[in-house]
Protein backbone atom coordinates (compact mmCIF):
# COMPACT_ATOMS: atom_id res chain seq x y z
CA MET A 1 17.55 -35.20 -9.54
CA SER A 2 18.37 -34.25 -5.94
CA LEU A 3 15.68 -36.60 -4.67
CA LEU A 4 17.10 -39.45 -6.77
CA TRP A 5 20.59 -38.94 -5.38
CA PHE A 6 19.23 -38.69 -1.84
CA ALA A 7 17.66 -42.12 -2.41
CA ILE A 8 20.96 -43.44 -3.82
CA VAL A 9 22.94 -42.23 -0.79
CA VAL A 10 20.38 -43.81 1.55
CA VAL A 11 20.54 -47.11 -0.35
CA MET A 12 24.34 -47.15 -0.18
CA PHE A 13 24.34 -46.70 3.58
CA VAL A 14 21.53 -49.22 4.02
CA ILE A 15 23.51 -51.84 2.08
CA SER A 16 26.50 -51.03 4.26
CA ALA A 17 24.40 -51.48 7.41
CA VAL A 18 23.12 -54.87 6.25
CA LEU A 19 26.38 -56.32 4.91
CA ASP A 20 28.98 -54.69 7.12
CA GLY A 21 26.45 -54.97 9.93
CA PHE A 22 26.59 -58.75 10.18
CA ASP A 23 30.38 -58.88 10.30
CA LEU A 24 30.38 -56.11 12.92
CA GLY A 25 27.80 -58.21 14.74
CA VAL A 26 30.04 -61.28 14.58
CA GLY A 27 32.72 -59.16 16.25
CA ILE A 28 30.30 -58.05 18.98
CA VAL A 29 29.33 -61.63 19.89
CA TYR A 30 32.81 -63.02 19.16
CA LEU A 31 33.99 -63.51 22.76
CA PHE A 32 30.62 -64.86 23.92
CA ALA A 33 29.89 -67.25 21.06
CA GLY A 34 33.40 -68.61 20.50
CA ARG A 35 34.77 -70.42 23.54
CA THR A 36 37.71 -72.21 21.90
CA ASP A 37 40.30 -71.15 19.37
CA ALA A 38 38.71 -73.46 16.78
CA GLU A 39 35.31 -71.84 17.29
CA ARG A 40 36.77 -68.36 17.02
CA ARG A 41 38.51 -69.36 13.82
CA THR A 42 35.14 -70.54 12.52
CA LEU A 43 33.63 -67.16 13.39
CA LEU A 44 36.40 -65.29 11.60
CA GLY A 45 36.19 -67.71 8.68
CA SER A 46 32.46 -66.99 8.31
CA ILE A 47 33.20 -63.33 7.51
CA GLY A 48 36.76 -63.62 6.22
CA PRO A 49 36.01 -63.74 2.48
CA VAL A 50 33.76 -60.67 2.50
CA TRP A 51 34.29 -58.45 5.54
CA ASP A 52 36.68 -56.04 3.82
CA GLY A 53 34.46 -55.96 0.72
CA ASN A 54 31.44 -55.17 2.88
CA GLU A 55 33.20 -52.06 4.21
CA VAL A 56 33.48 -50.76 0.64
CA TRP A 57 29.80 -49.79 0.80
CA LEU A 58 30.51 -47.43 3.70
CA ILE A 59 33.31 -45.78 1.73
CA ALA A 60 31.15 -45.68 -1.40
CA GLY A 61 28.33 -44.07 0.57
CA GLY A 62 30.69 -41.37 1.82
CA GLY A 63 32.03 -40.82 -1.68
CA THR A 64 28.52 -40.57 -3.12
CA LEU A 65 27.59 -38.06 -0.44
CA PHE A 66 30.70 -36.06 -1.36
CA PHE A 67 29.92 -35.53 -5.03
CA ALA A 68 26.11 -35.38 -4.73
CA PHE A 69 25.82 -33.16 -1.65
CA PRO A 70 29.23 -31.51 -1.15
CA ALA A 71 27.96 -28.81 1.25
CA ALA A 72 26.57 -31.41 3.66
CA TYR A 73 29.71 -33.52 3.30
CA ALA A 74 32.00 -30.57 4.05
CA SER A 75 29.95 -29.41 7.01
CA GLY A 76 29.47 -32.85 8.53
CA PHE A 77 33.00 -34.13 8.10
CA SER A 78 34.53 -30.99 9.60
CA GLY A 79 32.05 -30.71 12.48
CA PHE A 80 32.23 -34.41 13.33
CA TYR A 81 36.02 -34.46 13.13
CA LEU A 82 36.57 -36.01 16.58
CA PRO A 83 34.14 -38.94 16.27
CA LEU A 84 35.30 -39.58 12.71
CA MET A 85 38.87 -39.92 13.96
CA ILE A 86 37.66 -42.32 16.65
CA VAL A 87 35.82 -44.37 14.02
CA LEU A 88 38.91 -44.39 11.81
CA TRP A 89 41.08 -45.75 14.62
CA LEU A 90 38.48 -48.36 15.51
CA LEU A 91 38.37 -49.52 11.87
CA ILE A 92 42.18 -49.75 11.87
CA LEU A 93 42.24 -51.70 15.15
CA ARG A 94 39.53 -54.08 13.95
CA GLY A 95 41.31 -54.87 10.70
CA THR A 96 44.66 -55.15 12.45
CA ALA A 97 43.23 -57.58 14.99
CA VAL A 98 41.89 -59.89 12.26
CA GLU A 99 45.25 -59.90 10.45
CA PHE A 100 47.55 -60.13 13.49
CA ARG A 101 45.90 -62.67 15.82
CA ASN A 102 47.26 -65.74 14.05
CA HIS A 103 50.83 -64.57 13.44
CA ILE A 104 52.23 -65.60 16.83
CA ALA A 105 51.24 -68.67 18.85
CA SER A 106 51.08 -67.21 22.34
CA PRO A 107 48.66 -67.43 25.30
CA VAL A 108 48.83 -63.62 25.50
CA TRP A 109 49.04 -62.49 21.86
CA THR A 110 45.96 -64.24 20.46
CA PRO A 111 43.55 -63.40 23.33
CA PHE A 112 44.74 -59.77 23.25
CA TRP A 113 43.79 -59.36 19.59
CA ASP A 114 40.53 -61.23 20.18
CA VAL A 115 39.58 -58.61 22.77
CA VAL A 116 40.66 -55.79 20.45
CA PHE A 117 38.54 -57.22 17.63
CA ALA A 118 35.45 -57.61 19.80
CA GLY A 119 35.89 -54.24 21.53
CA ALA A 120 36.46 -52.33 18.28
CA SER A 121 33.40 -54.00 16.70
CA GLY A 122 31.16 -53.07 19.62
CA LEU A 123 32.40 -49.49 19.79
CA LEU A 124 32.00 -49.07 16.03
CA ALA A 125 28.37 -50.18 16.27
CA LEU A 126 27.85 -47.72 19.14
CA PHE A 127 29.46 -44.79 17.32
CA PHE A 128 27.68 -45.51 14.03
CA GLY A 129 24.36 -45.47 15.89
CA ALA A 130 25.30 -42.26 17.73
CA ALA A 131 26.33 -40.69 14.41
CA LEU A 132 22.91 -41.48 12.97
CA GLY A 133 21.34 -39.95 16.07
CA ASN A 134 23.32 -36.73 15.59
CA VAL A 135 22.30 -36.44 11.94
CA LEU A 136 18.64 -36.96 12.84
CA ARG A 137 18.67 -34.68 15.89
CA GLY A 138 20.56 -31.87 14.21
CA VAL A 139 23.60 -29.78 15.05
CA PRO A 140 24.20 -26.08 15.90
CA LEU A 141 24.90 -24.90 12.34
CA ASP A 142 25.80 -21.27 11.71
CA VAL A 143 24.98 -19.31 8.56
CA ASP A 144 28.19 -20.56 6.90
CA GLY A 145 27.29 -24.21 7.55
CA ASN A 146 29.92 -24.66 10.27
CA PHE A 147 29.49 -26.20 13.69
CA PHE A 148 31.44 -27.80 16.50
CA LEU A 149 30.26 -30.47 18.92
CA PRO A 150 32.17 -31.66 22.00
CA LEU A 151 32.04 -35.37 22.75
CA TRP A 152 29.48 -34.64 25.47
CA THR A 153 28.05 -31.75 27.52
CA ASN A 154 25.16 -32.49 29.89
CA PHE A 155 23.92 -35.59 28.02
CA ARG A 156 20.67 -33.82 27.14
CA PRO A 157 19.50 -32.84 23.64
CA GLY A 158 18.98 -29.12 23.49
CA PRO A 159 20.54 -25.89 22.24
CA ASN A 160 24.05 -26.93 23.31
CA PRO A 161 24.24 -30.67 22.76
CA GLY A 162 27.24 -32.93 22.64
CA ILE A 163 27.85 -35.79 20.26
CA LEU A 164 26.74 -38.09 23.06
CA ASP A 165 23.45 -37.38 24.83
CA TRP A 166 20.75 -39.72 26.08
CA PHE A 167 19.01 -39.71 22.69
CA THR A 168 22.10 -40.49 20.58
CA ILE A 169 23.34 -43.01 23.17
CA THR A 170 19.95 -44.77 22.99
CA ILE A 171 20.27 -45.04 19.22
CA GLY A 172 23.86 -46.25 19.67
CA MET A 173 22.73 -48.94 22.15
CA THR A 174 19.99 -49.96 19.73
CA SER A 175 22.60 -50.25 17.01
CA VAL A 176 24.75 -52.51 19.21
CA ALA A 177 21.78 -54.74 20.11
CA VAL A 178 20.51 -54.98 16.52
CA LEU A 179 23.93 -55.75 15.04
CA ALA A 180 24.67 -58.28 17.79
CA MET A 181 21.41 -60.03 16.85
CA HIS A 182 22.24 -59.71 13.15
CA GLY A 183 25.72 -61.15 13.62
CA ALA A 184 24.52 -63.98 15.87
CA LEU A 185 21.90 -64.96 13.30
CA TRP A 186 24.61 -65.01 10.64
CA VAL A 187 26.64 -67.35 12.85
CA THR A 188 23.67 -69.71 13.20
CA VAL A 189 23.58 -70.00 9.41
CA ARG A 190 27.32 -70.55 9.10
CA SER A 191 28.00 -72.92 12.01
CA ALA A 192 26.80 -76.10 13.69
CA ARG A 193 26.64 -77.94 17.00
CA ASN A 194 27.63 -76.06 20.16
CA LEU A 195 28.64 -72.87 18.40
CA GLN A 196 25.34 -72.73 16.56
CA GLU A 197 23.29 -73.30 19.71
CA ARG A 198 25.27 -70.66 21.59
CA ALA A 199 24.70 -68.20 18.74
CA ARG A 200 20.95 -68.90 18.83
CA ALA A 201 20.87 -68.10 22.55
CA ILE A 202 22.79 -64.84 22.00
CA ALA A 203 20.47 -63.92 19.12
CA SER A 204 17.46 -64.47 21.38
CA TRP A 205 18.75 -62.17 24.11
CA SER A 206 19.87 -59.60 21.55
CA TRP A 207 16.44 -59.74 19.91
CA LEU A 208 14.80 -58.90 23.24
CA ALA A 209 17.13 -55.92 23.78
CA ALA A 210 16.64 -54.72 20.19
CA ALA A 211 12.84 -55.01 20.49
CA ILE A 212 12.70 -53.03 23.76
CA LEU A 213 15.02 -50.31 22.49
CA SER A 214 13.18 -50.09 19.15
CA VAL A 215 9.87 -49.53 20.95
CA ILE A 216 11.49 -46.82 23.09
CA LEU A 217 12.82 -45.07 19.99
CA MET A 218 9.47 -45.23 18.21
CA LEU A 219 7.93 -43.49 21.22
CA VAL A 220 10.56 -40.78 21.78
CA VAL A 221 11.53 -39.93 18.18
CA PRO A 222 8.35 -37.88 17.46
CA LEU A 223 8.98 -35.96 20.71
CA ILE A 224 12.66 -35.22 20.06
CA LEU A 225 12.34 -34.79 16.28
CA PRO A 226 9.18 -32.79 15.50
CA HIS A 227 9.97 -32.77 11.77
CA PHE A 228 9.46 -36.55 11.81
CA GLY A 229 5.95 -36.09 13.16
CA ARG A 230 5.14 -33.46 10.55
CA ARG A 231 6.50 -35.62 7.75
CA TYR A 232 4.50 -38.71 8.72
CA ALA A 233 1.37 -36.62 9.32
CA ALA A 234 1.66 -35.13 5.84
CA ARG A 235 2.50 -38.47 4.17
CA PRO A 236 0.87 -41.21 6.29
CA TRP A 237 1.66 -43.86 3.67
CA GLY A 238 5.22 -43.69 5.01
CA LEU A 239 4.01 -45.62 8.07
CA VAL A 240 4.45 -48.72 5.92
CA PHE A 241 8.20 -48.61 6.71
CA PRO A 242 8.02 -48.83 10.53
CA THR A 243 5.13 -51.31 10.18
CA LEU A 244 7.23 -53.62 8.00
CA ALA A 245 10.13 -53.20 10.45
CA VAL A 246 7.90 -54.49 13.26
CA VAL A 247 6.69 -57.36 11.06
CA SER A 248 10.31 -58.26 10.26
CA LEU A 249 11.22 -58.18 13.96
CA VAL A 250 8.39 -60.58 14.75
CA GLY A 251 9.47 -62.73 11.81
CA ILE A 252 12.95 -63.06 13.33
CA LYS A 253 11.49 -64.49 16.53
CA ILE A 254 9.12 -66.90 14.80
CA SER A 255 11.80 -68.17 12.41
CA SER A 256 14.38 -68.56 15.17
CA ARG A 257 12.01 -70.63 17.30
CA ALA A 258 11.40 -72.87 14.30
CA THR A 259 15.21 -73.08 13.79
CA ARG A 260 14.79 -71.71 10.28
CA ASP A 261 18.08 -69.86 10.56
CA SER A 262 18.34 -68.58 7.00
CA ILE A 263 14.82 -67.10 7.15
CA ALA A 264 15.60 -65.49 10.52
CA PHE A 265 18.73 -63.88 9.09
CA LEU A 266 16.81 -62.57 6.06
CA CYS A 267 14.19 -61.12 8.41
CA SER A 268 17.01 -59.41 10.29
CA CYS A 269 18.21 -57.90 7.02
CA ALA A 270 14.67 -56.70 6.29
CA TYR A 271 14.36 -55.20 9.78
CA ILE A 272 17.51 -53.10 9.29
CA VAL A 273 16.39 -52.01 5.82
CA PHE A 274 12.92 -50.91 6.94
CA MET A 275 14.10 -49.18 10.13
CA LEU A 276 16.62 -47.12 8.17
CA ALA A 277 14.03 -46.48 5.43
CA ALA A 278 11.64 -45.20 8.11
CA ALA A 279 14.38 -42.88 9.43
CA ALA A 280 15.21 -41.60 5.92
CA PHE A 281 11.53 -41.03 5.12
CA GLY A 282 10.95 -39.06 8.30
CA HIS A 283 14.16 -37.07 7.87
CA TYR A 284 13.46 -36.01 4.27
CA PRO A 285 14.31 -33.45 2.90
CA TYR A 286 16.92 -32.68 5.54
CA LEU A 287 20.52 -33.81 5.36
CA LEU A 288 21.73 -31.93 8.43
CA PRO A 289 19.10 -30.01 10.42
CA ALA A 290 20.15 -26.93 12.35
CA ILE A 291 19.34 -26.66 16.03
CA GLY A 292 17.70 -23.35 16.89
CA ASP A 293 17.39 -21.88 13.39
CA SER A 294 15.77 -24.10 10.77
CA GLN A 295 16.54 -21.50 8.08
CA VAL A 296 20.20 -22.57 7.96
CA SER A 297 19.47 -26.30 7.88
CA LEU A 298 21.04 -28.20 5.00
CA THR A 299 18.48 -29.94 2.79
CA ILE A 300 18.91 -32.02 -0.34
CA PHE A 301 17.93 -29.02 -2.43
CA ASP A 302 20.39 -26.42 -1.14
CA ALA A 303 23.29 -28.79 -0.42
CA SER A 304 23.41 -30.63 -3.76
CA THR A 305 25.73 -30.05 -6.66
CA SER A 306 24.41 -28.79 -9.98
CA SER A 307 21.69 -30.72 -11.79
CA SER A 308 23.95 -31.16 -14.84
CA GLY A 309 26.71 -32.59 -12.65
CA LEU A 310 24.31 -35.05 -11.03
CA SER A 311 23.07 -36.13 -14.46
CA ILE A 312 26.60 -36.78 -15.72
CA ALA A 313 27.44 -38.71 -12.55
CA LEU A 314 24.37 -40.88 -13.00
CA SER A 315 25.55 -41.98 -16.46
CA TRP A 316 28.60 -43.73 -15.02
CA PHE A 317 27.20 -44.53 -11.57
CA ILE A 318 24.55 -46.94 -12.90
CA PRO A 319 26.86 -49.26 -14.90
CA GLY A 320 29.49 -49.11 -12.16
CA THR A 321 26.96 -50.12 -9.52
CA ILE A 322 25.67 -52.97 -11.68
CA LEU A 323 29.21 -54.34 -11.97
CA VAL A 324 29.77 -54.08 -8.21
CA LEU A 325 26.47 -55.80 -7.43
CA ALA A 326 27.25 -58.57 -9.92
CA TYR A 327 30.60 -59.12 -8.22
CA PHE A 328 28.99 -59.30 -4.76
CA VAL A 329 26.43 -61.82 -5.96
CA PHE A 330 29.24 -63.91 -7.44
CA ALA A 331 31.35 -63.64 -4.27
CA TYR A 332 28.53 -64.61 -1.92
CA ARG A 333 27.42 -67.51 -4.08
CA ARG A 334 30.93 -68.91 -4.54
CA LEU A 335 32.54 -68.14 -1.21
CA LEU A 336 29.68 -68.29 1.27
CA SER A 337 27.75 -71.33 0.16
CA ARG A 338 27.38 -73.56 3.17
CA THR A 339 29.97 -76.31 3.16
CA ASP A 340 30.93 -79.08 5.49
CA SER A 341 34.04 -77.19 6.55
CA ALA A 342 31.94 -74.16 7.55
CA ALA A 343 29.72 -76.36 9.64
CA ASN A 344 32.59 -77.87 11.64
């Protein structure tokens, strides 16, 4: 049962990365792709019907983590208090920018909120990537499951790391590059003419950055995270995940060159799914590894709630998730079908 709920938590966060990822990506490329107010309105309109709904998956993932693995939730949310507050404020600023930019016609007001929207989107992508890096790298847990991390120390992973070190920053930069590519590819599907061509160019440069950073991570992860190496050595079939991620990355380039924008975007979705699946596979069974003393690490087995509680939760989680997925399919089919107005 613990393994099943670990898979459910991973799926929730993967869906969040794919769906909320493209609207974060639109924010990252917002100032570069949109040159006029009309183009920027088109960019906001491409995510407007669904961006707040996409963020629900992040909240749902946190909620699922809370009732399935309460020990890991309590430890992580208290130890990562500072970055979580930063993320909260960035989410507030991003939503505020979308709502406020059109309320006053001013040469100062609108550009100010445009910059806030783009900056908050980029920083969110960076901090989400750094957060993933911290979870994979581990934290200095004590026997009670408590820890504290400063924002940075010497920028080196080791016995006294900070939230930001060269490893977590590299993952954060990879996150920014990947989501910028993901968002730009979404724009190519939802736009036309100059805006579409500009988005294709941004997607191309972002693809190059994402490819380089992904190769770097694939080389350094086994060195920084020895449990990844042990996991893949014991279960070599798991190499299918990074292999499919590479195939998806190549598929993005081939499809983009052929101007098959929808296929390129779907390949981008697949790339994110398989990269995160590769990370989850290598990280299993850990939820929060301990630096220095692996005996106090939090795994899915010692951090989960009771088996009976997980079984009861599953009985209402399945129908609830089916309803949510049905709504999302309906919303995307009705609200995001390509129309002439979206292409203007």
